[in-house]
């Protein structure tokens, strides 16, 4: 039935007069009264909306619900899906690619494991050969250092003989001798102090990876600095002469002097005034450092004065250039 046509009343069969508009007041339940001016009627009807005028309910009230049910998805989504076409095969293709990648990765791991197992003996052999070469080169370097030291002493002796022929040469020779002591380029002899430093006994060491109870590079650094401040003129550690260019470093669990590893125990020799060197060293920060390590961490420390010490020259110290003080 079209809106605006005359409607026969269900109560008396008469047609309501034309005219008027529709207004509704909704109740709180399905049986509540609904009043309104029906199309073509100027009278107000109570309780007649749902029963007497089903087309108004169907056309006005249920049209939105039917639209939502039948067109729940916007037409734009359907159009986009139609443009993409069927997509059932895509997950399968993606799963196949994933399986292929995992298979290749597993094959690579298997090949790597086989190669590692195959080349492990060769790696061990190369490592052993490298250790042998290192030891051989270190022994060769030691022999060259000894020869260089002897040649340096020979040169120094010839130099002294030549300079001793004149008065000015004697003065120059005396000055060069003093500079050799400071620079560490010449062998020196004299009284001094010998310190023997070692790790604590095995039962006092906290662990293989702990520094407690073990001598570290900083301990030797503190010792050497304490000797210098106490008035030492020349110092050597395990026969390695110390100069202004010498570095004491830690390399894993060993200590190196000029990149040469030292073996325990560590013997520190210092040439200086025997009457004051030991006492001044004990009062220095380096001496206090060692005494504290001995009392707390139980390191082994032996201090002796020596009437005659002989310290070698530092063969690795090369004088590249020099200028007088104040020269530009």
C-alpha atoms as a PDB file:
ATOM      1  CA  UNK A   1       0.000   0.000   0.000  1.00  0.00           C
ATOM      2  CA  UNK A   2       1.420   3.357  -0.932  1.00  0.00           C
ATOM      3  CA  UNK A   3       1.825   6.133   1.562  1.00  0.00           C
ATOM      4  CA  UNK A   4      -1.013   8.762   1.216  1.00  0.00           C
ATOM      5  CA  UNK A   5      -3.768   6.284   0.199  1.00  0.00           C
ATOM      6  CA  UNK A   6      -6.935   6.074   2.275  1.00  0.00           C
ATOM      7  CA  UNK A   7      -6.962   3.324   4.889  1.00  0.00           C
ATOM      8  CA  UNK A   8     -10.051   1.480   6.143  1.00  0.00           C
ATOM      9  CA  UNK A   9     -10.210   1.342   9.895  1.00  0.00           C
ATOM     10  CA  UNK A  10     -10.077  -2.159  11.350  1.00  0.00           C
ATOM     11  CA  UNK A  11     -12.539  -1.141  14.053  1.00  0.00           C
ATOM     12  CA  UNK A  12     -15.533   0.248  12.109  1.00  0.00           C
ATOM     13  CA  UNK A  13     -14.645  -0.239   8.448  1.00  0.00           C
ATOM     14  CA  UNK A  14     -14.908   3.484   7.678  1.00  0.00           C
ATOM     15  CA  UNK A  15     -12.212   5.440   5.981  1.00  0.00           C
ATOM     16  CA  UNK A  16     -10.638   8.183   8.032  1.00  0.00           C
ATOM     17  CA  UNK A  17     -10.761  11.634   6.550  1.00  0.00           C
ATOM     18  CA  UNK A  18      -7.736  12.796   4.587  1.00  0.00           C
ATOM     19  CA  UNK A  19      -5.187  15.200   5.958  1.00  0.00           C
ATOM     20  CA  UNK A  20      -2.914  15.394   8.978  1.00  0.00           C
ATOM     21  CA  UNK A  21       0.598  14.188   9.640  1.00  0.00           C
ATOM     22  CA  UNK A  22       2.129  11.329  11.722  1.00  0.00           C
ATOM     23  CA  UNK A  23       3.619  11.613  15.087  1.00  0.00           C
ATOM     24  CA  UNK A  24       4.516   8.763  17.473  1.00  0.00           C
ATOM     25  CA  UNK A  25       5.387   8.354  21.091  1.00  0.00           C
ATOM     26  CA  UNK A  26       7.190   5.111  21.865  1.00  0.00           C
ATOM     27  CA  UNK A  27       6.414   3.143  24.990  1.00  0.00           C
ATOM     28  CA  UNK A  28       8.651   0.986  27.089  1.00  0.00           C
ATOM     29  CA  UNK A  29       7.245  -2.351  25.904  1.00  0.00           C
ATOM     30  CA  UNK A  30       5.629  -4.021  22.928  1.00  0.00           C
ATOM     31  CA  UNK A  31       2.135  -3.549  24.393  1.00  0.00           C
ATOM     32  CA  UNK A  32       2.501   0.137  25.195  1.00  0.00           C
ATOM     33  CA  UNK A  33       0.190   2.633  23.550  1.00  0.00           C
ATOM     34  CA  UNK A  34       1.307   4.403  20.439  1.00  0.00           C
ATOM     35  CA  UNK A  35      -0.566   7.508  19.439  1.00  0.00           C
ATOM     36  CA  UNK A  36      -0.331   9.319  16.172  1.00  0.00           C
ATOM     37  CA  UNK A  37      -2.070  11.002  13.323  1.00  0.00           C
ATOM     38  CA  UNK A  38      -2.264   8.391  10.602  1.00  0.00           C
ATOM     39  CA  UNK A  39      -2.021   9.379   6.972  1.00  0.00           C
ATOM     40  CA  UNK A  40      -5.376  10.563   5.769  1.00  0.00           C
ATOM     41  CA  UNK A  41      -6.766  10.882   9.295  1.00  0.00           C
ATOM     42  CA  UNK A  42      -7.143  13.730  11.744  1.00  0.00           C
ATOM     43  CA  UNK A  43      -8.064  11.462  14.675  1.00  0.00           C
ATOM     44  CA  UNK A  44      -5.723  10.087  17.267  1.00  0.00           C
ATOM     45  CA  UNK A  45      -5.681   6.239  17.527  1.00  0.00           C
ATOM     46  CA  UNK A  46      -4.464   4.241  20.493  1.00  0.00           C
ATOM     47  CA  UNK A  47      -3.049   0.734  20.225  1.00  0.00           C
ATOM     48  CA  UNK A  48      -3.717   0.394  16.500  1.00  0.00           C
ATOM     49  CA  UNK A  49      -0.158   0.878  15.043  1.00  0.00           C
ATOM     50  CA  UNK A  50       1.173  -2.677  15.058  1.00  0.00           C
ATOM     51  CA  UNK A  51      -2.074  -4.471  14.297  1.00  0.00           C
ATOM     52  CA  UNK A  52      -4.009  -2.228  11.967  1.00  0.00           C
ATOM     53  CA  UNK A  53      -1.151  -0.768   9.898  1.00  0.00           C
ATOM     54  CA  UNK A  54       1.432  -3.517   9.270  1.00  0.00           C
ATOM     55  CA  UNK A  55       2.755  -1.875   6.123  1.00  0.00           C
ATOM     56  CA  UNK A  56       3.869   1.193   8.007  1.00  0.00           C
ATOM     57  CA  UNK A  57       5.819  -0.993  10.430  1.00  0.00           C
ATOM     58  CA  UNK A  58       7.294  -3.089   7.633  1.00  0.00           C
ATOM     59  CA  UNK A  59       8.220  -0.165   5.458  1.00  0.00           C
ATOM     60  CA  UNK A  60       9.484   2.205   8.149  1.00  0.00           C
ATOM     61  CA  UNK A  61      10.596   0.182  11.168  1.00  0.00           C
ATOM     62  CA  UNK A  62      12.034  -2.992   9.628  1.00  0.00           C
ATOM     63  CA  UNK A  63      13.616  -1.552   6.509  1.00  0.00           C
ATOM     64  CA  UNK A  64      16.743  -0.452   8.378  1.00  0.00           C
ATOM     65  CA  UNK A  65      17.076  -3.837  10.078  1.00  0.00           C
ATOM     66  CA  UNK A  66      16.693  -5.695   6.778  1.00  0.00           C
ATOM     67  CA  UNK A  67      19.311  -3.398   5.231  1.00  0.00           C
ATOM     68  CA  UNK A  68      21.786  -4.114   8.028  1.00  0.00           C
ATOM     69  CA  UNK A  69      21.214  -7.884   7.801  1.00  0.00           C
ATOM     70  CA  UNK A  70      21.330  -8.222   4.039  1.00  0.00           C
ATOM     71  CA  UNK A  71      24.174  -5.698   3.553  1.00  0.00           C
ATOM     72  CA  UNK A  72      26.256  -6.179   6.667  1.00  0.00           C
ATOM     73  CA  UNK A  73      29.484  -5.634   4.698  1.00  0.00           C
ATOM     74  CA  UNK A  74      30.051  -2.412   2.863  1.00  0.00           C
ATOM     75  CA  UNK A  75      29.987  -2.725  -0.916  1.00  0.00           C
ATOM     76  CA  UNK A  76      33.524  -1.329  -1.121  1.00  0.00           C
ATOM     77  CA  UNK A  77      34.930  -4.408   0.642  1.00  0.00           C
ATOM     78  CA  UNK A  78      33.173  -6.718  -1.786  1.00  0.00           C
ATOM     79  CA  UNK A  79      34.528  -4.753  -4.734  1.00  0.00           C
ATOM     80  CA  UNK A  80      38.076  -4.893  -3.378  1.00  0.00           C
ATOM     81  CA  UNK A  81      37.797  -8.639  -2.808  1.00  0.00           C
ATOM     82  CA  UNK A  82      36.541  -9.123  -6.345  1.00  0.00           C
ATOM     83  CA  UNK A  83      39.521  -7.210  -7.745  1.00  0.00           C
ATOM     84  CA  UNK A  84      41.993  -9.359  -5.789  1.00  0.00           C
ATOM     85  CA  UNK A  85      40.446 -12.561  -6.993  1.00  0.00           C
ATOM     86  CA  UNK A  86      40.689 -15.944  -5.242  1.00  0.00           C
ATOM     87  CA  UNK A  87      43.287 -16.045  -2.445  1.00  0.00           C
ATOM     88  CA  UNK A  88      43.071 -19.631  -1.242  1.00  0.00           C
ATOM     89  CA  UNK A  89      46.387 -20.585  -2.856  1.00  0.00           C
ATOM     90  CA  UNK A  90      48.372 -17.801  -1.208  1.00  0.00           C
ATOM     91  CA  UNK A  91      48.702 -19.330   2.266  1.00  0.00           C
ATOM     92  CA  UNK A  92      49.748 -22.584   0.637  1.00  0.00           C
ATOM     93  CA  UNK A  93      52.441 -20.864  -1.408  1.00  0.00           C
ATOM     94  CA  UNK A  94      53.657 -19.008   1.709  1.00  0.00           C
ATOM     95  CA  UNK A  95      53.790 -22.257   3.691  1.00  0.00           C
ATOM     96  CA  UNK A  96      55.755 -23.912   0.913  1.00  0.00           C
ATOM     97  CA  UNK A  97      58.307 -21.096   0.853  1.00  0.00           C
ATOM     98  CA  UNK A  98      58.706 -21.330   4.641  1.00  0.00           C
ATOM     99  CA  UNK A  99      59.326 -25.074   4.435  1.00  0.00           C
ATOM    100  CA  UNK A 100      61.949 -24.560   1.723  1.00  0.00           C
ATOM    101  CA  UNK A 101      63.769 -21.887   3.776  1.00  0.00           C
ATOM    102  CA  UNK A 102      63.803 -24.079   6.874  1.00  0.00           C
ATOM    103  CA  UNK A 103      65.077 -27.033   4.862  1.00  0.00           C
ATOM    104  CA  UNK A 104      67.914 -24.966   3.375  1.00  0.00           C
ATOM    105  CA  UNK A 105      68.822 -23.577   6.811  1.00  0.00           C
ATOM    106  CA  UNK A 106      68.907 -27.050   8.306  1.00  0.00           C
ATOM    107  CA  UNK A 107      71.089 -28.261   5.447  1.00  0.00           C
ATOM    108  CA  UNK A 108      73.511 -25.391   6.037  1.00  0.00           C
ATOM    109  CA  UNK A 109      73.750 -26.230   9.748  1.00  0.00           C
ATOM    110  CA  UNK A 110      74.409 -29.872   8.944  1.00  0.00           C
ATOM    111  CA  UNK A 111      77.142 -28.990   6.444  1.00  0.00           C
ATOM    112  CA  UNK A 112      78.749 -26.595   8.949  1.00  0.00           C
ATOM    113  CA  UNK A 113      78.743 -29.263  11.661  1.00  0.00           C
ATOM    114  CA  UNK A 114      80.322 -31.822   9.336  1.00  0.00           C
ATOM    115  CA  UNK A 115      82.992 -29.360   8.223  1.00  0.00           C
ATOM    116  CA  UNK A 116      83.778 -28.361  11.815  1.00  0.00           C
ATOM    117  CA  UNK A 117      84.160 -31.992  12.818  1.00  0.00           C
ATOM    118  CA  UNK A 118      86.287 -32.695   9.772  1.00  0.00           C
ATOM    119  CA  UNK A 119      88.631 -29.720  10.187  1.00  0.00           C
ATOM    120  CA  UNK A 120      88.939 -29.867  13.996  1.00  0.00           C
ATOM    121  CA  UNK A 121      92.123 -32.015  13.944  1.00  0.00           C
ATOM    122  CA  UNK A 122      93.698 -29.689  11.367  1.00  0.00           C
ATOM    123  CA  UNK A 123      92.903 -26.656  13.508  1.00  0.00           C
ATOM    124  CA  UNK A 124      94.504 -28.304  16.545  1.00  0.00           C
ATOM    125  CA  UNK A 125      97.561 -29.171  14.487  1.00  0.00           C
ATOM    126  CA  UNK A 126      97.868 -25.597  13.201  1.00  0.00           C
ATOM    127  CA  UNK A 127      97.522 -24.302  16.757  1.00  0.00           C
ATOM    128  CA  UNK A 128     100.294 -26.606  17.988  1.00  0.00           C
ATOM    129  CA  UNK A 129     102.539 -25.579  15.086  1.00  0.00           C
ATOM    130  CA  UNK A 130     101.878 -21.918  15.850  1.00  0.00           C
ATOM    131  CA  UNK A 131     102.851 -22.409  19.501  1.00  0.00           C
ATOM    132  CA  UNK A 132     106.101 -24.070  18.433  1.00  0.00           C
ATOM    133  CA  UNK A 133     106.858 -21.178  16.057  1.00  0.00           C
ATOM    134  CA  UNK A 134     106.140 -18.595  18.757  1.00  0.00           C
ATOM    135  CA  UNK A 135     108.475 -20.291  21.198  1.00  0.00           C
ATOM    136  CA  UNK A 136     111.194 -20.604  18.570  1.00  0.00           C
ATOM    137  CA  UNK A 137     110.894 -16.929  17.619  1.00  0.00           C
ATOM    138  CA  UNK A 138     110.936 -15.916  21.298  1.00  0.00           C
ATOM    139  CA  UNK A 139     114.153 -17.906  21.864  1.00  0.00           C
ATOM    140  CA  UNK A 140     115.675 -16.336  18.741  1.00  0.00           C
ATOM    141  CA  UNK A 141     114.666 -12.883  19.973  1.00  0.00           C
ATOM    142  CA  UNK A 142     116.327 -13.582  23.328  1.00  0.00           C
ATOM    143  CA  UNK A 143     119.566 -14.541  21.613  1.00  0.00           C
ATOM    144  CA  UNK A 144     119.465 -11.392  19.508  1.00  0.00           C
ATOM    145  CA  UNK A 145     118.841  -9.269  22.600  1.00  0.00           C
ATOM    146  CA  UNK A 146     121.861 -10.789  24.331  1.00  0.00           C
ATOM    147  CA  UNK A 147     124.020 -10.163  21.258  1.00  0.00           C
ATOM    148  CA  UNK A 148     122.726  -6.608  20.940  1.00  0.00           C
ATOM    149  CA  UNK A 149     123.582  -5.992  24.582  1.00  0.00           C
ATOM    150  CA  UNK A 150     127.123  -7.275  24.160  1.00  0.00           C
ATOM    151  CA  UNK A 151     127.623  -5.197  21.032  1.00  0.00           C
ATOM    152  CA  UNK A 152     126.316  -2.116  22.838  1.00  0.00           C
ATOM    153  CA  UNK A 153     128.797  -2.673  25.640  1.00  0.00           C
ATOM    154  CA  UNK A 154     131.583  -3.033  23.096  1.00  0.00           C
ATOM    155  CA  UNK A 155     130.577   0.218  21.424  1.00  0.00           C
ATOM    156  CA  UNK A 156     130.404   1.969  24.793  1.00  0.00           C
ATOM    157  CA  UNK A 157     133.889   0.716  25.705  1.00  0.00           C
ATOM    158  CA  UNK A 158     135.362   1.943  22.433  1.00  0.00           C
ATOM    159  CA  UNK A 159     133.607   5.264  22.923  1.00  0.00           C
ATOM    160  CA  UNK A 160     135.057   5.684  26.407  1.00  0.00           C
ATOM    161  CA  UNK A 161     138.542   4.848  25.174  1.00  0.00           C
ATOM    162  CA  UNK A 162     138.339   7.494  22.465  1.00  0.00           C
ATOM    163  CA  UNK A 163     136.894  10.162  24.746  1.00  0.00           C
ATOM    164  CA  UNK A 164     139.458   9.459  27.472  1.00  0.00           C
ATOM    165  CA  UNK A 165     142.241  10.791  25.257  1.00  0.00           C
ATOM    166  CA  UNK A 166     141.203  14.427  25.829  1.00  0.00           C
ATOM    167  CA  UNK A 167     139.967  16.485  28.732  1.00  0.00           C
ATOM    168  CA  UNK A 168     136.803  17.534  26.968  1.00  0.00           C
ATOM    169  CA  UNK A 169     136.251  13.933  25.962  1.00  0.00           C
ATOM    170  CA  UNK A 170     136.501  12.807  29.590  1.00  0.00           C
ATOM    171  CA  UNK A 171     133.870  15.354  30.608  1.00  0.00           C
ATOM    172  CA  UNK A 172     131.637  14.229  27.746  1.00  0.00           C
ATOM    173  CA  UNK A 173     132.133  10.575  28.671  1.00  0.00           C
ATOM    174  CA  UNK A 174     131.108  11.268  32.269  1.00  0.00           C
ATOM    175  CA  UNK A 175     128.007  13.093  31.097  1.00  0.00           C
ATOM    176  CA  UNK A 176     127.073  10.291  28.685  1.00  0.00           C
ATOM    177  CA  UNK A 177     127.446   7.743  31.481  1.00  0.00           C
ATOM    178  CA  UNK A 178     124.988   9.665  33.653  1.00  0.00           C
ATOM    179  CA  UNK A 179     122.540   9.951  30.766  1.00  0.00           C
ATOM    180  CA  UNK A 180     122.836   6.225  30.039  1.00  0.00           C
ATOM    181  CA  UNK A 181     121.651   5.487  33.565  1.00  0.00           C
ATOM    182  CA  UNK A 182     118.629   7.773  33.220  1.00  0.00           C
ATOM    183  CA  UNK A 183     117.717   6.633  29.703  1.00  0.00           C
ATOM    184  CA  UNK A 184     118.360   2.958  30.405  1.00  0.00           C
ATOM    185  CA  UNK A 185     120.629   2.561  27.371  1.00  0.00           C
ATOM    186  CA  UNK A 186     123.596   1.275  29.343  1.00  0.00           C
ATOM    187  CA  UNK A 187     124.287  -1.445  31.881  1.00  0.00           C
ATOM    188  CA  UNK A 188     124.484  -0.215  35.472  1.00  0.00           C
ATOM    189  CA  UNK A 189     125.940  -1.707  38.642  1.00  0.00           C
ATOM    190  CA  UNK A 190     125.619  -0.734  42.268  1.00  0.00           C
ATOM    191  CA  UNK A 191     124.003  -1.455  45.629  1.00  0.00           C
ATOM    192  CA  UNK A 192     120.268  -1.500  45.979  1.00  0.00           C
ATOM    193  CA  UNK A 193     117.155  -3.389  46.944  1.00  0.00           C
ATOM    194  CA  UNK A 194     115.746  -6.704  45.711  1.00  0.00           C
ATOM    195  CA  UNK A 195     112.044  -7.543  46.108  1.00  0.00           C
ATOM    196  CA  UNK A 196     110.704 -11.039  45.427  1.00  0.00           C
ATOM    197  CA  UNK A 197     106.919 -10.981  44.956  1.00  0.00           C
ATOM    198  CA  UNK A 198     104.715 -14.006  44.336  1.00  0.00           C
ATOM    199  CA  UNK A 199     101.090 -15.123  44.526  1.00  0.00           C
ATOM    200  CA  UNK A 200      99.597 -16.287  47.778  1.00  0.00           C
ATOM    201  CA  UNK A 201      99.785 -20.017  48.556  1.00  0.00           C
ATOM    202  CA  UNK A 202      97.250 -22.148  46.699  1.00  0.00           C
ATOM    203  CA  UNK A 203      95.066 -22.609  49.772  1.00  0.00           C
ATOM    204  CA  UNK A 204      94.829 -18.798  50.152  1.00  0.00           C
ATOM    205  CA  UNK A 205      93.863 -18.035  46.535  1.00  0.00           C
ATOM    206  CA  UNK A 206      90.101 -17.529  46.203  1.00  0.00           C
ATOM    207  CA  UNK A 207      89.797 -19.019  42.706  1.00  0.00           C
ATOM    208  CA  UNK A 208      91.414 -19.369  39.276  1.00  0.00           C
ATOM    209  CA  UNK A 209      89.349 -16.497  37.845  1.00  0.00           C
ATOM    210  CA  UNK A 210      89.670 -14.197  40.840  1.00  0.00           C
ATOM    211  CA  UNK A 211      92.369 -11.587  41.389  1.00  0.00           C
ATOM    212  CA  UNK A 212      92.403 -12.078  45.148  1.00  0.00           C
ATOM    213  CA  UNK A 213      95.662 -13.644  46.259  1.00  0.00           C
ATOM    214  CA  UNK A 214      97.283 -13.181  42.834  1.00  0.00           C
ATOM    215  CA  UNK A 215      99.788 -10.573  41.696  1.00  0.00           C
ATOM    216  CA  UNK A 216      98.341  -8.340  38.998  1.00  0.00           C
ATOM    217  CA  UNK A 217      99.922  -5.796  36.689  1.00  0.00           C
ATOM    218  CA  UNK A 218      98.706  -2.940  38.883  1.00  0.00           C
ATOM    219  CA  UNK A 219     100.623  -4.439  41.834  1.00  0.00           C
ATOM    220  CA  UNK A 220     103.906  -4.291  39.921  1.00  0.00           C
ATOM    221  CA  UNK A 221     103.066  -0.802  38.694  1.00  0.00           C
ATOM    222  CA  UNK A 222     102.523   0.400  42.254  1.00  0.00           C
ATOM    223  CA  UNK A 223     105.763  -1.266  43.355  1.00  0.00           C
ATOM    224  CA  UNK A 224     107.840   0.338  40.598  1.00  0.00           C
ATOM    225  CA  UNK A 225     106.333   3.771  41.149  1.00  0.00           C
ATOM    226  CA  UNK A 226     107.035   3.453  44.863  1.00  0.00           C
ATOM    227  CA  UNK A 227     110.694   2.612  44.152  1.00  0.00           C
ATOM    228  CA  UNK A 228     111.072   5.561  41.793  1.00  0.00           C
ATOM    229  CA  UNK A 229     109.627   7.923  44.408  1.00  0.00           C
ATOM    230  CA  UNK A 230     111.930   6.391  47.058  1.00  0.00           C
ATOM    231  CA  UNK A 231     115.002   7.446  45.029  1.00  0.00           C
ATOM    232  CA  UNK A 232     115.789   4.417  42.842  1.00  0.00           C
ATOM    233  CA  UNK A 233     118.176   5.231  39.979  1.00  0.00           C
ATOM    234  CA  UNK A 234     117.521   2.124  37.849  1.00  0.00           C
ATOM    235  CA  UNK A 235     114.935  -0.660  38.051  1.00  0.00           C
ATOM    236  CA  UNK A 236     114.521  -4.042  36.374  1.00  0.00           C
ATOM    237  CA  UNK A 237     111.741  -6.640  36.658  1.00  0.00           C
ATOM    238  CA  UNK A 238     112.839 -10.231  35.988  1.00  0.00           C
ATOM    239  CA  UNK A 239     115.858  -8.859  34.140  1.00  0.00           C
ATOM    240  CA  UNK A 240     113.809  -6.450  31.974  1.00  0.00           C
ATOM    241  CA  UNK A 241     115.152  -2.935  32.334  1.00  0.00           C
ATOM    242  CA  UNK A 242     112.549  -0.238  32.878  1.00  0.00           C
ATOM    243  CA  UNK A 243     112.743   3.122  31.120  1.00  0.00           C
ATOM    244  CA  UNK A 244     110.432   6.035  30.501  1.00  0.00           C
ATOM    245  CA  UNK A 245     109.024   4.121  27.519  1.00  0.00           C
ATOM    246  CA  UNK A 246     108.401   0.825  29.344  1.00  0.00           C
ATOM    247  CA  UNK A 247     104.844  -0.420  29.836  1.00  0.00           C
ATOM    248  CA  UNK A 248     103.690  -2.956  32.428  1.00  0.00           C
ATOM    249  CA  UNK A 249     100.454  -4.572  31.304  1.00  0.00           C
ATOM    250  CA  UNK A 250      98.234  -7.507  32.079  1.00  0.00           C
ATOM    251  CA  UNK A 251      97.629 -10.086  29.334  1.00  0.00           C
ATOM    252  CA  UNK A 252      94.935 -12.522  30.444  1.00  0.00           C
ATOM    253  CA  UNK A 253      96.533 -14.216  33.473  1.00  0.00           C
ATOM    254  CA  UNK A 254     100.120 -13.129  32.787  1.00  0.00           C
ATOM    255  CA  UNK A 255     102.008  -9.864  33.178  1.00  0.00           C
ATOM    256  CA  UNK A 256     104.134  -8.381  30.406  1.00  0.00           C
ATOM    257  CA  UNK A 257     106.938  -5.820  30.407  1.00  0.00           C
ATOM    258  CA  UNK A 258     107.416  -4.299  26.964  1.00  0.00           C
ATOM    259  CA  UNK A 259     105.155  -7.089  25.655  1.00  0.00           C
ATOM    260  CA  UNK A 260     107.432  -9.785  27.070  1.00  0.00           C
ATOM    261  CA  UNK A 261     105.624 -12.168  29.450  1.00  0.00           C
ATOM    262  CA  UNK A 262     107.023 -12.562  32.938  1.00  0.00           C
ATOM    263  CA  UNK A 263     107.191 -15.784  34.931  1.00  0.00           C
ATOM    264  CA  UNK A 264     106.533 -16.083  38.645  1.00  0.00           C
ATOM    265  CA  UNK A 265     107.980 -15.156  41.035  1.00  0.00           C
ATOM    266  CA  UNK A 266     108.489 -11.516  40.098  1.00  0.00           C
ATOM    267  CA  UNK A 267     111.922 -10.199  41.065  1.00  0.00           C
ATOM    268  CA  UNK A 268     112.147  -6.412  41.198  1.00  0.00           C
ATOM    269  CA  UNK A 269     115.685  -5.006  41.498  1.00  0.00           C
ATOM    270  CA  UNK A 270     116.352  -1.343  42.155  1.00  0.00           C
ATOM    271  CA  UNK A 271     119.723   0.398  42.384  1.00  0.00           C
ATOM    272  CA  UNK A 272     119.880   3.235  44.886  1.00  0.00           C
ATOM    273  CA  UNK A 273     121.203   4.381  48.233  1.00  0.00           C
ATOM    274  CA  UNK A 274     120.990   1.274  50.466  1.00  0.00           C
ATOM    275  CA  UNK A 275     120.844   3.398  53.607  1.00  0.00           C
ATOM    276  CA  UNK A 276     117.582   5.131  52.684  1.00  0.00           C
ATOM    277  CA  UNK A 277     116.015   3.242  49.774  1.00  0.00           C
ATOM    278  CA  UNK A 278     114.321   0.471  51.797  1.00  0.00           C
ATOM    279  CA  UNK A 279     112.930   2.767  54.501  1.00  0.00           C
ATOM    280  CA  UNK A 280     111.636   5.338  52.031  1.00  0.00           C
ATOM    281  CA  UNK A 281     110.039   2.624  49.897  1.00  0.00           C
ATOM    282  CA  UNK A 282     108.240   1.150  52.932  1.00  0.00           C
ATOM    283  CA  UNK A 283     106.711   4.551  53.650  1.00  0.00           C
ATOM    284  CA  UNK A 284     105.763   5.171  50.008  1.00  0.00           C
ATOM    285  CA  UNK A 285     102.305   4.366  48.564  1.00  0.00           C
ATOM    286  CA  UNK A 286     103.853   1.439  46.679  1.00  0.00           C
ATOM    287  CA  UNK A 287     105.306  -0.041  49.854  1.00  0.00           C
ATOM    288  CA  UNK A 288     102.045   0.381  51.728  1.00  0.00           C
ATOM    289  CA  UNK A 289     100.240  -1.260  48.798  1.00  0.00           C
ATOM    290  CA  UNK A 290     102.438  -4.375  48.991  1.00  0.00           C
ATOM    291  CA  UNK A 291     102.266  -4.615  52.778  1.00  0.00           C
ATOM    292  CA  UNK A 292      98.480  -4.386  52.619  1.00  0.00           C
ATOM    293  CA  UNK A 293      98.367  -7.181  50.013  1.00  0.00           C
ATOM    294  CA  UNK A 294     100.579  -9.318  52.226  1.00  0.00           C
ATOM    295  CA  UNK A 295      98.387  -8.761  55.302  1.00  0.00           C
ATOM    296  CA  UNK A 296      94.974  -9.074  53.616  1.00  0.00           C
ATOM    297  CA  UNK A 297      95.466 -11.350  50.599  1.00  0.00           C
ATOM    298  CA  UNK A 298      98.501 -13.267  51.915  1.00  0.00           C
ATOM    299  CA  UNK A 299     100.792 -12.654  48.946  1.00  0.00           C
ATOM    300  CA  UNK A 300     104.421 -13.664  49.423  1.00  0.00           C
ATOM    301  CA  UNK A 301     106.907 -10.809  49.770  1.00  0.00           C
ATOM    302  CA  UNK A 302     110.631 -10.982  50.492  1.00  0.00           C
ATOM    303  CA  UNK A 303     112.743  -7.816  50.768  1.00  0.00           C
ATOM    304  CA  UNK A 304     116.556  -7.902  50.758  1.00  0.00           C
ATOM    305  CA  UNK A 305     119.267  -5.303  50.463  1.00  0.00           C
ATOM    306  CA  UNK A 306     122.077  -6.106  48.036  1.00  0.00           C
ATOM    307  CA  UNK A 307     125.637  -4.805  48.013  1.00  0.00           C
ATOM    308  CA  UNK A 308     125.958  -5.245  44.257  1.00  0.00           C
ATOM    309  CA  UNK A 309     123.283  -5.409  41.577  1.00  0.00           C
ATOM    310  CA  UNK A 310     123.849  -5.503  37.812  1.00  0.00           C
ATOM    311  CA  UNK A 311     120.992  -4.350  35.614  1.00  0.00           C
ATOM    312  CA  UNK A 312     121.166  -4.801  31.829  1.00  0.00           C
ATOM    313  CA  UNK A 313     120.540  -2.077  29.301  1.00  0.00           C
ATOM    314  CA  UNK A 314     117.251  -1.877  27.513  1.00  0.00           C
ATOM    315  CA  UNK A 315     118.231  -3.052  24.053  1.00  0.00           C
ATOM    316  CA  UNK A 316     114.851  -2.106  22.655  1.00  0.00           C
ATOM    317  CA  UNK A 317     115.225   1.564  23.577  1.00  0.00           C
ATOM    318  CA  UNK A 318     116.440   3.434  20.505  1.00  0.00           C
ATOM    319  CA  UNK A 319     117.342   7.120  20.602  1.00  0.00           C
ATOM    320  CA  UNK A 320     115.708   8.648  17.521  1.00  0.00           C
ATOM    321  CA  UNK A 321     116.510  12.322  18.014  1.00  0.00           C
ATOM    322  CA  UNK A 322     117.676  14.693  20.736  1.00  0.00           C
ATOM    323  CA  UNK A 323     118.089  18.376  21.310  1.00  0.00           C
ATOM    324  CA  UNK A 324     119.489  20.488  24.090  1.00  0.00           C
ATOM    325  CA  UNK A 325     117.132  21.921  26.690  1.00  0.00           C
ATOM    326  CA  UNK A 326     115.595  25.172  25.505  1.00  0.00           C
ATOM    327  CA  UNK A 327     116.389  24.554  21.799  1.00  0.00           C
ATOM    328  CA  UNK A 328     113.636  25.174  19.245  1.00  0.00           C
END
